[in-house]
């Protein structure tokens, strides 16, 4: 038979447990409410940030659709350097294909992967590139990012704005290697990796551009995204 002291201790333990449960439920509900309340703002901010990058490489005159809504998912693709599914953004003008923006990764940067977004017109011509993530040496190889480039009038990355369609494979190298692309003295590994990656991406887009535009994606009616390899 329980003593009064044991009964009191049991009652206190029960009340404490109920209080803890109440606090857990309350704070869980509070966190869920905060998430639901801030989610639209977070998504809107992420969308605006992504659109800001696209606007740097995709001229507004080339599209009248919403490229962030007209998307396609690609599986890992060696030609693009991507090792995980990646999004393709599709631009259209009056319903006709006008440009593609794809993820490109240069795996051989001086300090590792260099992640980029590259825009191509309907013919597969490179019309713009932006570096979105890298670990290149500050003050040396990081000039591939226009925000770090000391030449504000003509950032290095702007060499990819409207690259001539008839550029040969040999021309797709830095000048030190006999090509047409400039590289700042003392930092050749980084631009060499970028030029090589964009060239390979261009070849992929030229080969598959019709399929990439034709396949249904987020703007299609039957499936939200496609993950089969372009043919």
Foldseek 3Di string as FASTA:
>chain_A
DDDPVRVVVVVVVVVVVVVVVVVVVVVVVVVVVVCVVCVVVVVVVVLVVVVVQCCVQPPPVQADDDQVQQKAWEAADVLQPRHGIWIKGFGHHPNHTFKIKTWHWLQQAPQGIWIKIWMATLQLQTAFMATDDDDDDQPALPLCHVVRNPPVVCRLRNCRHRPDPPADPQQLAEVVSPHVGHDDPPHRRHVRSVSSRSVSVSVVCNVQVVQRVPDGESPDDPDNYDYDHGD
